[in-house]
PDB file of N, CA and C in Angstrom:
ATOM      1  N   MET A   1       7.475 -10.400  65.270  1.00  0.00           N
ATOM      2  CA  MET A   1       7.613  -9.913  63.936  1.00  0.00           C
ATOM      3  C   MET A   1       6.236  -9.471  63.431  1.00  0.00           C
ATOM      4  N   LYS A   2       6.203  -8.259  62.894  1.00  0.00           N
ATOM      5  CA  LYS A   2       4.936  -7.696  62.459  1.00  0.00           C
ATOM      6  C   LYS A   2       4.690  -8.040  60.993  1.00  0.00           C
ATOM      7  N   ARG A   3       3.442  -8.397  60.682  1.00  0.00           N
ATOM      8  CA  ARG A   3       3.073  -8.748  59.323  1.00  0.00           C
ATOM      9  C   ARG A   3       2.432  -7.573  58.591  1.00  0.00           C
ATOM     10  N   ASN A   4       2.094  -6.556  59.269  1.00  0.00           N
ATOM     11  CA  ASN A   4       1.391  -5.449  58.645  1.00  0.00           C
ATOM     12  C   ASN A   4       2.189  -4.764  57.533  1.00  0.00           C
ATOM     13  N   PRO A   5       3.486  -4.494  57.684  1.00  0.00           N
ATOM     14  CA  PRO A   5       4.208  -3.855  56.579  1.00  0.00           C
ATOM     15  C   PRO A   5       4.272  -4.742  55.334  1.00  0.00           C
ATOM     16  N   TYR A   6       4.444  -6.049  55.523  1.00  0.00           N
ATOM     17  CA  TYR A   6       4.501  -6.955  54.373  1.00  0.00           C
ATOM     18  C   TYR A   6       3.149  -7.055  53.677  1.00  0.00           C
ATOM     19  N   LEU A   7       2.088  -7.072  54.448  1.00  0.00           N
ATOM     20  CA  LEU A   7       0.750  -7.121  53.889  1.00  0.00           C
ATOM     21  C   LEU A   7       0.451  -5.843  53.109  1.00  0.00           C
ATOM     22  N   LEU A   8       0.855  -4.695  53.623  1.00  0.00           N
ATOM     23  CA  LEU A   8       0.653  -3.418  52.945  1.00  0.00           C
ATOM     24  C   LEU A   8       1.445  -3.369  51.632  1.00  0.00           C
ATOM     25  N   ILE A   9       2.690  -3.843  51.655  1.00  0.00           N
ATOM     26  CA  ILE A   9       3.516  -3.869  50.441  1.00  0.00           C
ATOM     27  C   ILE A   9       2.891  -4.815  49.409  1.00  0.00           C
ATOM     28  N   PHE A  10       2.394  -5.962  49.837  1.00  0.00           N
ATOM     29  CA  PHE A  10       1.755  -6.910  48.926  1.00  0.00           C
ATOM     30  C   PHE A  10       0.506  -6.299  48.293  1.00  0.00           C
ATOM     31  N   ILE A  11      -0.301  -5.637  49.081  1.00  0.00           N
ATOM     32  CA  ILE A  11      -1.513  -5.000  48.560  1.00  0.00           C
ATOM     33  C   ILE A  11      -1.152  -3.895  47.577  1.00  0.00           C
ATOM     34  N   LEU A  12      -0.161  -3.076  47.886  1.00  0.00           N
ATOM     35  CA  LEU A  12       0.251  -2.000  46.988  1.00  0.00           C
ATOM     36  C   LEU A  12       0.807  -2.562  45.667  1.00  0.00           C
ATOM     37  N   ILE A  13       1.596  -3.618  45.723  1.00  0.00           N
ATOM     38  CA  ILE A  13       2.134  -4.240  44.505  1.00  0.00           C
ATOM     39  C   ILE A  13       0.999  -4.833  43.678  1.00  0.00           C
ATOM     40  N   THR A  14       0.019  -5.448  44.347  1.00  0.00           N
ATOM     41  CA  THR A  14      -1.126  -6.012  43.636  1.00  0.00           C
ATOM     42  C   THR A  14      -1.922  -4.917  42.924  1.00  0.00           C
ATOM     43  N   ILE A  15      -2.142  -3.798  43.592  1.00  0.00           N
ATOM     44  CA  ILE A  15      -2.852  -2.676  42.980  1.00  0.00           C
ATOM     45  C   ILE A  15      -2.046  -2.112  41.815  1.00  0.00           C
ATOM     46  N   LEU A  16      -0.741  -1.997  41.964  1.00  0.00           N
ATOM     47  CA  LEU A  16       0.123  -1.495  40.898  1.00  0.00           C
ATOM     48  C   LEU A  16       0.074  -2.409  39.675  1.00  0.00           C
ATOM     49  N   VAL A  17       0.130  -3.718  39.881  1.00  0.00           N
ATOM     50  CA  VAL A  17       0.056  -4.673  38.776  1.00  0.00           C
ATOM     51  C   VAL A  17      -1.303  -4.561  38.083  1.00  0.00           C
ATOM     52  N   TYR A  18      -2.373  -4.406  38.837  1.00  0.00           N
ATOM     53  CA  TYR A  18      -3.707  -4.259  38.260  1.00  0.00           C
ATOM     54  C   TYR A  18      -3.790  -2.987  37.413  1.00  0.00           C
ATOM     55  N   ILE A  19      -3.291  -1.877  37.920  1.00  0.00           N
ATOM     56  CA  ILE A  19      -3.343  -0.606  37.178  1.00  0.00           C
ATOM     57  C   ILE A  19      -2.508  -0.695  35.907  1.00  0.00           C
ATOM     58  N   LEU A  20      -1.302  -1.262  35.990  1.00  0.00           N
ATOM     59  CA  LEU A  20      -0.454  -1.398  34.808  1.00  0.00           C
ATOM     60  C   LEU A  20      -1.093  -2.321  33.767  1.00  0.00           C
ATOM     61  N   GLY A  21      -1.711  -3.388  34.202  1.00  0.00           N
ATOM     62  CA  GLY A  21      -2.386  -4.293  33.273  1.00  0.00           C
ATOM     63  C   GLY A  21      -3.576  -3.628  32.606  1.00  0.00           C
ATOM     64  N   PHE A  22      -4.306  -2.822  33.360  1.00  0.00           N
ATOM     65  CA  PHE A  22      -5.444  -2.107  32.802  1.00  0.00           C
ATOM     66  C   PHE A  22      -4.988  -1.100  31.751  1.00  0.00           C
ATOM     67  N   ARG A  23      -3.920  -0.367  32.034  1.00  0.00           N
ATOM     68  CA  ARG A  23      -3.395   0.610  31.072  1.00  0.00           C
ATOM     69  C   ARG A  23      -2.850  -0.084  29.823  1.00  0.00           C
ATOM     70  N   TYR A  24      -2.202  -1.216  29.996  1.00  0.00           N
ATOM     71  CA  TYR A  24      -1.697  -1.977  28.854  1.00  0.00           C
ATOM     72  C   TYR A  24      -2.858  -2.450  27.976  1.00  0.00           C
ATOM     73  N   GLY A  25      -3.934  -2.891  28.598  1.00  0.00           N
ATOM     74  CA  GLY A  25      -5.119  -3.320  27.841  1.00  0.00           C
ATOM     75  C   GLY A  25      -5.731  -2.166  27.064  1.00  0.00           C
ATOM     76  N   GLN A  26      -5.747  -0.964  27.654  1.00  0.00           N
ATOM     77  CA  GLN A  26      -6.279   0.199  26.951  1.00  0.00           C
ATOM     78  C   GLN A  26      -5.424   0.538  25.733  1.00  0.00           C
ATOM     79  N   SER A  27      -4.113   0.514  25.883  1.00  0.00           N
ATOM     80  CA  SER A  27      -3.246   0.839  24.739  1.00  0.00           C
ATOM     81  C   SER A  27      -3.356  -0.221  23.655  1.00  0.00           C
ATOM     82  N   THR A  28      -3.508  -1.480  24.036  1.00  0.00           N
ATOM     83  CA  THR A  28      -3.684  -2.548  23.058  1.00  0.00           C
ATOM     84  C   THR A  28      -5.008  -2.369  22.314  1.00  0.00           C
ATOM     85  N   GLU A  29      -6.048  -1.961  23.011  1.00  0.00           N
ATOM     86  CA  GLU A  29      -7.352  -1.735  22.382  1.00  0.00           C
ATOM     87  C   GLU A  29      -7.281  -0.587  21.380  1.00  0.00           C
ATOM     88  N   LYS A  30      -6.581   0.483  21.727  1.00  0.00           N
ATOM     89  CA  LYS A  30      -6.426   1.611  20.797  1.00  0.00           C
ATOM     90  C   LYS A  30      -5.659   1.186  19.554  1.00  0.00           C
ATOM     91  N   THR A  31      -4.622   0.384  19.748  1.00  0.00           N
ATOM     92  CA  THR A  31      -3.845  -0.104  18.605  1.00  0.00           C
ATOM     93  C   THR A  31      -4.710  -0.988  17.706  1.00  0.00           C
ATOM     94  N   ASN A  32      -5.504  -1.861  18.301  1.00  0.00           N
ATOM     95  CA  ASN A  32      -6.381  -2.735  17.513  1.00  0.00           C
ATOM     96  C   ASN A  32      -7.420  -1.928  16.744  1.00  0.00           C
ATOM     97  N   GLU A  33      -7.956  -0.867  17.344  1.00  0.00           N
ATOM     98  CA  GLU A  33      -8.923  -0.025  16.641  1.00  0.00           C
ATOM     99  C   GLU A  33      -8.265   0.673  15.451  1.00  0.00           C
ATOM    100  N   ALA A  34      -7.025   1.150  15.634  1.00  0.00           N
ATOM    101  CA  ALA A  34      -6.320   1.814  14.535  1.00  0.00           C
ATOM    102  C   ALA A  34      -6.042   0.831  13.403  1.00  0.00           C
ATOM    103  N   ILE A  35      -5.642  -0.377  13.733  1.00  0.00           N
ATOM    104  CA  ILE A  35      -5.359  -1.387  12.711  1.00  0.00           C
ATOM    105  C   ILE A  35      -6.651  -1.763  11.976  1.00  0.00           C
ATOM    106  N   ASP A  36      -7.745  -1.922  12.702  1.00  0.00           N
ATOM    107  CA  ASP A  36      -9.021  -2.244  12.056  1.00  0.00           C
ATOM    108  C   ASP A  36      -9.453  -1.128  11.115  1.00  0.00           C
ATOM    109  N   TYR A  37      -9.248   0.119  11.510  1.00  0.00           N
ATOM    110  CA  TYR A  37      -9.619   1.240  10.650  1.00  0.00           C
ATOM    111  C   TYR A  37      -8.773   1.245   9.372  1.00  0.00           C
ATOM    112  N   ILE A  38      -7.471   1.041   9.517  1.00  0.00           N
ATOM    113  CA  ILE A  38      -6.583   1.035   8.349  1.00  0.00           C
ATOM    114  C   ILE A  38      -6.950  -0.110   7.400  1.00  0.00           C
ATOM    115  N   LEU A  39      -7.243  -1.262   7.959  1.00  0.00           N
ATOM    116  CA  LEU A  39      -7.618  -2.401   7.113  1.00  0.00           C
ATOM    117  C   LEU A  39      -8.969  -2.191   6.436  1.00  0.00           C
ATOM    118  N   SER A  40      -9.848  -1.418   7.052  1.00  0.00           N
ATOM    119  CA  SER A  40     -11.155  -1.207   6.440  1.00  0.00           C
ATOM    120  C   SER A  40     -11.084  -0.236   5.272  1.00  0.00           C
ATOM    121  N   ILE A  41     -10.080   0.662   5.225  1.00  0.00           N
ATOM    122  CA  ILE A  41      -9.994   1.622   4.126  1.00  0.00           C
ATOM    123  C   ILE A  41      -9.024   1.182   3.042  1.00  0.00           C
ATOM    124  N   THR A  42      -8.324   0.096   3.242  1.00  0.00           N
ATOM    125  CA  THR A  42      -7.388  -0.392   2.236  1.00  0.00           C
ATOM    126  C   THR A  42      -8.172  -0.957   1.056  1.00  0.00           C
ATOM    127  N   PRO A  43      -7.920  -0.470  -0.149  1.00  0.00           N
ATOM    128  CA  PRO A  43      -8.681  -0.983  -1.295  1.00  0.00           C
ATOM    129  C   PRO A  43      -8.276  -2.409  -1.624  1.00  0.00           C
ATOM    130  N   THR A  44      -9.217  -3.130  -2.174  1.00  0.00           N
ATOM    131  CA  THR A  44      -8.917  -4.493  -2.594  1.00  0.00           C
ATOM    132  C   THR A  44      -8.259  -4.438  -3.967  1.00  0.00           C
ATOM    133  N   PRO A  45      -7.197  -5.188  -4.162  1.00  0.00           N
ATOM    134  CA  PRO A  45      -6.524  -5.142  -5.461  1.00  0.00           C
ATOM    135  C   PRO A  45      -7.381  -5.788  -6.539  1.00  0.00           C
ATOM    136  N   ARG A  46      -7.393  -5.160  -7.688  1.00  0.00           N
ATOM    137  CA  ARG A  46      -8.125  -5.701  -8.823  1.00  0.00           C
ATOM    138  C   ARG A  46      -7.128  -6.073  -9.905  1.00  0.00           C
ATOM    139  N   PRO A  47      -7.336  -7.212 -10.524  1.00  0.00           N
ATOM    140  CA  PRO A  47      -6.401  -7.590 -11.590  1.00  0.00           C
ATOM    141  C   PRO A  47      -6.571  -6.653 -12.784  1.00  0.00           C
ATOM    142  N   PRO A  48      -5.496  -6.352 -13.464  1.00  0.00           N
ATOM    143  CA  PRO A  48      -5.611  -5.472 -14.627  1.00  0.00           C
ATOM    144  C   PRO A  48      -6.397  -6.153 -15.739  1.00  0.00           C
ATOM    145  N   THR A  49      -7.152  -5.353 -16.439  1.00  0.00           N
ATOM    146  CA  THR A  49      -7.926  -5.913 -17.548  1.00  0.00           C
ATOM    147  C   THR A  49      -7.026  -5.991 -18.777  1.00  0.00           C
ATOM    148  N   PRO A  50      -6.915  -7.153 -19.359  1.00  0.00           N
ATOM    149  CA  PRO A  50      -6.036  -7.290 -20.521  1.00  0.00           C
ATOM    150  C   PRO A  50      -6.654  -6.607 -21.744  1.00  0.00           C
ATOM    151  N   THR A  51      -5.799  -6.001 -22.517  1.00  0.00           N
ATOM    152  CA  THR A  51      -6.270  -5.401 -23.766  1.00  0.00           C
ATOM    153  C   THR A  51      -6.233  -6.472 -24.852  1.00  0.00           C
ATOM    154  N   PRO A  52      -7.279  -6.592 -25.599  1.00  0.00           N
ATOM    155  CA  PRO A  52      -7.297  -7.636 -26.635  1.00  0.00           C
ATOM    156  C   PRO A  52      -6.294  -7.314 -27.747  1.00  0.00           C
ATOM    157  N   VAL A  53      -5.661  -8.339 -28.226  1.00  0.00           N
ATOM    158  CA  VAL A  53      -4.686  -8.188 -29.302  1.00  0.00           C
ATOM    159  C   VAL A  53      -5.406  -8.356 -30.632  1.00  0.00           C
ATOM    160  N   GLU A  54      -5.199  -7.391 -31.492  1.00  0.00           N
ATOM    161  CA  GLU A  54      -5.793  -7.476 -32.818  1.00  0.00           C
ATOM    162  C   GLU A  54      -4.735  -7.961 -33.802  1.00  0.00           C
ATOM    163  N   TYR A  55      -5.161  -8.781 -34.725  1.00  0.00           N
ATOM    164  CA  TYR A  55      -4.243  -9.357 -35.696  1.00  0.00           C
ATOM    165  C   TYR A  55      -4.615  -8.897 -37.106  1.00  0.00           C
ATOM    166  N   GLU A  56      -3.599  -8.800 -37.910  1.00  0.00           N
ATOM    167  CA  GLU A  56      -3.776  -8.500 -39.323  1.00  0.00           C
ATOM    168  C   GLU A  56      -3.107  -9.612 -40.127  1.00  0.00           C
ATOM    169  N   GLU A  57      -3.486  -9.707 -41.376  1.00  0.00           N
ATOM    170  CA  GLU A  57      -2.928 -10.754 -42.220  1.00  0.00           C
ATOM    171  C   GLU A  57      -2.028 -10.130 -43.280  1.00  0.00           C
ATOM    172  N   PHE A  58      -0.871 -10.746 -43.461  1.00  0.00           N
ATOM    173  CA  PHE A  58       0.076 -10.290 -44.482  1.00  0.00           C
ATOM    174  C   PHE A  58       0.157 -11.357 -45.561  1.00  0.00           C
ATOM    175  N   GLN A  59       0.124 -10.902 -46.799  1.00  0.00           N
ATOM    176  CA  GLN A  59       0.257 -11.834 -47.912  1.00  0.00           C
ATOM    177  C   GLN A  59       1.140 -11.184 -48.965  1.00  0.00           C
ATOM    178  N   SER A  60       2.164 -11.898 -49.352  1.00  0.00           N
ATOM    179  CA  SER A  60       3.064 -11.425 -50.388  1.00  0.00           C
ATOM    180  C   SER A  60       2.901 -12.314 -51.609  1.00  0.00           C
ATOM    181  N   LYS A  61       2.350 -11.737 -52.663  1.00  0.00           N
ATOM    182  CA  LYS A  61       2.195 -12.513 -53.895  1.00  0.00           C
ATOM    183  C   LYS A  61       3.537 -12.698 -54.594  1.00  0.00           C
ATOM    184  N   LYS A  62       4.419 -11.735 -54.358  1.00  0.00           N
ATOM    185  CA  LYS A  62       5.735 -11.816 -54.992  1.00  0.00           C
ATOM    186  C   LYS A  62       6.549 -12.985 -54.441  1.00  0.00           C
ATOM    187  N   TRP A  63       6.524 -13.184 -53.137  1.00  0.00           N
ATOM    188  CA  TRP A  63       7.336 -14.234 -52.517  1.00  0.00           C
ATOM    189  C   TRP A  63       6.516 -15.455 -52.126  1.00  0.00           C
ATOM    190  N   GLY A  64       5.219 -15.386 -52.208  1.00  0.00           N
ATOM    191  CA  GLY A  64       4.369 -16.553 -51.952  1.00  0.00           C
ATOM    192  C   GLY A  64       4.243 -16.924 -50.483  1.00  0.00           C
ATOM    193  N   ILE A  65       4.184 -15.955 -49.610  1.00  0.00           N
ATOM    194  CA  ILE A  65       4.013 -16.261 -48.183  1.00  0.00           C
ATOM    195  C   ILE A  65       2.764 -15.542 -47.669  1.00  0.00           C
ATOM    196  N   LYS A  66       2.226 -16.107 -46.578  1.00  0.00           N
ATOM    197  CA  LYS A  66       1.034 -15.541 -45.966  1.00  0.00           C
ATOM    198  C   LYS A  66       1.093 -15.867 -44.471  1.00  0.00           C
ATOM    199  N   PHE A  67       0.881 -14.856 -43.612  1.00  0.00           N
ATOM    200  CA  PHE A  67       0.875 -15.086 -42.169  1.00  0.00           C
ATOM    201  C   PHE A  67       0.105 -13.966 -41.476  1.00  0.00           C
ATOM    202  N   THR A  68      -0.262 -14.217 -40.221  1.00  0.00           N
ATOM    203  CA  THR A  68      -0.932 -13.211 -39.405  1.00  0.00           C
ATOM    204  C   THR A  68       0.079 -12.632 -38.423  1.00  0.00           C
ATOM    205  N   TYR A  69      -0.122 -11.380 -38.070  1.00  0.00           N
ATOM    206  CA  TYR A  69       0.788 -10.700 -37.151  1.00  0.00           C
ATOM    207  C   TYR A  69      -0.014  -9.713 -36.310  1.00  0.00           C
ATOM    208  N   PRO A  70       0.508  -9.337 -35.138  1.00  0.00           N
ATOM    209  CA  PRO A  70      -0.194  -8.360 -34.300  1.00  0.00           C
ATOM    210  C   PRO A  70      -0.243  -7.000 -34.992  1.00  0.00           C
ATOM    211  N   SER A  71      -1.330  -6.276 -34.757  1.00  0.00           N
ATOM    212  CA  SER A  71      -1.518  -5.000 -35.455  1.00  0.00           C
ATOM    213  C   SER A  71      -0.579  -3.906 -34.953  1.00  0.00           C
ATOM    214  N   ASN A  72       0.114  -4.114 -33.843  1.00  0.00           N
ATOM    215  CA  ASN A  72       1.056  -3.093 -33.381  1.00  0.00           C
ATOM    216  C   ASN A  72       2.427  -3.211 -34.062  1.00  0.00           C
ATOM    217  N   LEU A  73       2.544  -4.078 -35.037  1.00  0.00           N
ATOM    218  CA  LEU A  73       3.759  -4.192 -35.833  1.00  0.00           C
ATOM    219  C   LEU A  73       3.505  -3.580 -37.212  1.00  0.00           C
ATOM    220  N   SER A  74       4.539  -2.975 -37.740  1.00  0.00           N
ATOM    221  CA  SER A  74       4.443  -2.533 -39.135  1.00  0.00           C
ATOM    222  C   SER A  74       5.432  -3.360 -39.952  1.00  0.00           C
ATOM    223  N   ILE A  75       5.029  -3.702 -41.145  1.00  0.00           N
ATOM    224  CA  ILE A  75       5.835  -4.575 -41.988  1.00  0.00           C
ATOM    225  C   ILE A  75       6.332  -3.783 -43.189  1.00  0.00           C
ATOM    226  N   LYS A  76       7.613  -3.937 -43.445  1.00  0.00           N
ATOM    227  CA  LYS A  76       8.211  -3.334 -44.636  1.00  0.00           C
ATOM    228  C   LYS A  76       8.835  -4.455 -45.459  1.00  0.00           C
ATOM    229  N   GLU A  77       8.337  -4.604 -46.666  1.00  0.00           N
ATOM    230  CA  GLU A  77       8.815  -5.673 -47.541  1.00  0.00           C
ATOM    231  C   GLU A  77       9.830  -5.103 -48.525  1.00  0.00           C
ATOM    232  N   SER A  78      10.930  -5.789 -48.650  1.00  0.00           N
ATOM    233  CA  SER A  78      11.959  -5.375 -49.601  1.00  0.00           C
ATOM    234  C   SER A  78      11.511  -5.707 -51.016  1.00  0.00           C
ATOM    235  N   THR A  79      11.846  -4.837 -51.947  1.00  0.00           N
ATOM    236  CA  THR A  79      11.423  -5.063 -53.331  1.00  0.00           C
ATOM    237  C   THR A  79      12.405  -5.942 -54.105  1.00  0.00           C
ATOM    238  N   ASN A  80      13.665  -5.986 -53.697  1.00  0.00           N
ATOM    239  CA  ASN A  80      14.676  -6.724 -54.449  1.00  0.00           C
ATOM    240  C   ASN A  80      15.026  -8.070 -53.836  1.00  0.00           C
ATOM    241  N   THR A  81      14.953  -8.185 -52.512  1.00  0.00           N
ATOM    242  CA  THR A  81      15.365  -9.416 -51.833  1.00  0.00           C
ATOM    243  C   THR A  81      14.188  -9.977 -51.047  1.00  0.00           C
ATOM    244  N   PRO A  82      14.214 -11.271 -50.772  1.00  0.00           N
ATOM    245  CA  PRO A  82      13.133 -11.854 -49.967  1.00  0.00           C
ATOM    246  C   PRO A  82      13.328 -11.493 -48.485  1.00  0.00           C
ATOM    247  N   GLU A  83      13.071 -10.246 -48.163  1.00  0.00           N
ATOM    248  CA  GLU A  83      13.347  -9.747 -46.823  1.00  0.00           C
ATOM    249  C   GLU A  83      12.127  -8.961 -46.330  1.00  0.00           C
ATOM    250  N   ILE A  84      11.727  -9.261 -45.105  1.00  0.00           N
ATOM    251  CA  ILE A  84      10.596  -8.561 -44.487  1.00  0.00           C
ATOM    252  C   ILE A  84      11.082  -8.002 -43.156  1.00  0.00           C
ATOM    253  N   LYS A  85      10.862  -6.709 -42.935  1.00  0.00           N
ATOM    254  CA  LYS A  85      11.283  -6.066 -41.687  1.00  0.00           C
ATOM    255  C   LYS A  85      10.062  -5.743 -40.842  1.00  0.00           C
ATOM    256  N   PHE A  86      10.152  -6.074 -39.563  1.00  0.00           N
ATOM    257  CA  PHE A  86       9.090  -5.778 -38.606  1.00  0.00           C
ATOM    258  C   PHE A  86       9.540  -4.626 -37.721  1.00  0.00           C
ATOM    259  N   GLU A  87       8.635  -3.681 -37.465  1.00  0.00           N
ATOM    260  CA  GLU A  87       8.911  -2.571 -36.546  1.00  0.00           C
ATOM    261  C   GLU A  87       7.694  -2.377 -35.652  1.00  0.00           C
ATOM    262  N   PHE A  88       7.969  -2.095 -34.390  1.00  0.00           N
ATOM    263  CA  PHE A  88       6.873  -1.816 -33.448  1.00  0.00           C
ATOM    264  C   PHE A  88       6.361  -0.405 -33.671  1.00  0.00           C
ATOM    265  N   THR A  89       5.058  -0.253 -33.620  1.00  0.00           N
ATOM    266  CA  THR A  89       4.456   1.081 -33.703  1.00  0.00           C
ATOM    267  C   THR A  89       3.799   1.398 -32.365  1.00  0.00           C
ATOM    268  N   ASN A  90       3.846   2.629 -31.956  1.00  0.00           N
ATOM    269  CA  ASN A  90       3.220   3.048 -30.697  1.00  0.00           C
ATOM    270  C   ASN A  90       1.806   3.528 -30.984  1.00  0.00           C
ATOM    271  N   GLU A  91       0.865   2.876 -30.346  1.00  0.00           N
ATOM    272  CA  GLU A  91      -0.539   3.260 -30.527  1.00  0.00           C
ATOM    273  C   GLU A  91      -1.098   3.778 -29.245  1.00  0.00           C
TER     274      GLU A  91
END
């Protein structure tokens, strides 16, 4: 029984496995470079800066009340009844 054909097949399979592994490593390296590039250009998220809320003071001498409210509200006081209406204003 000759061993030469089996030895040749083993050597060829070993070379094939080496070449396939080398090519797989190259494709993995290219993928890693692309991912590193994408991660390097991704901006870092910044928290939004809150806008300060301004307050105004309301005082009704007719009804005897006093309170503070945000300046983005408008107040309409009824002249006949103890009624105060709030409306949002767009600024």
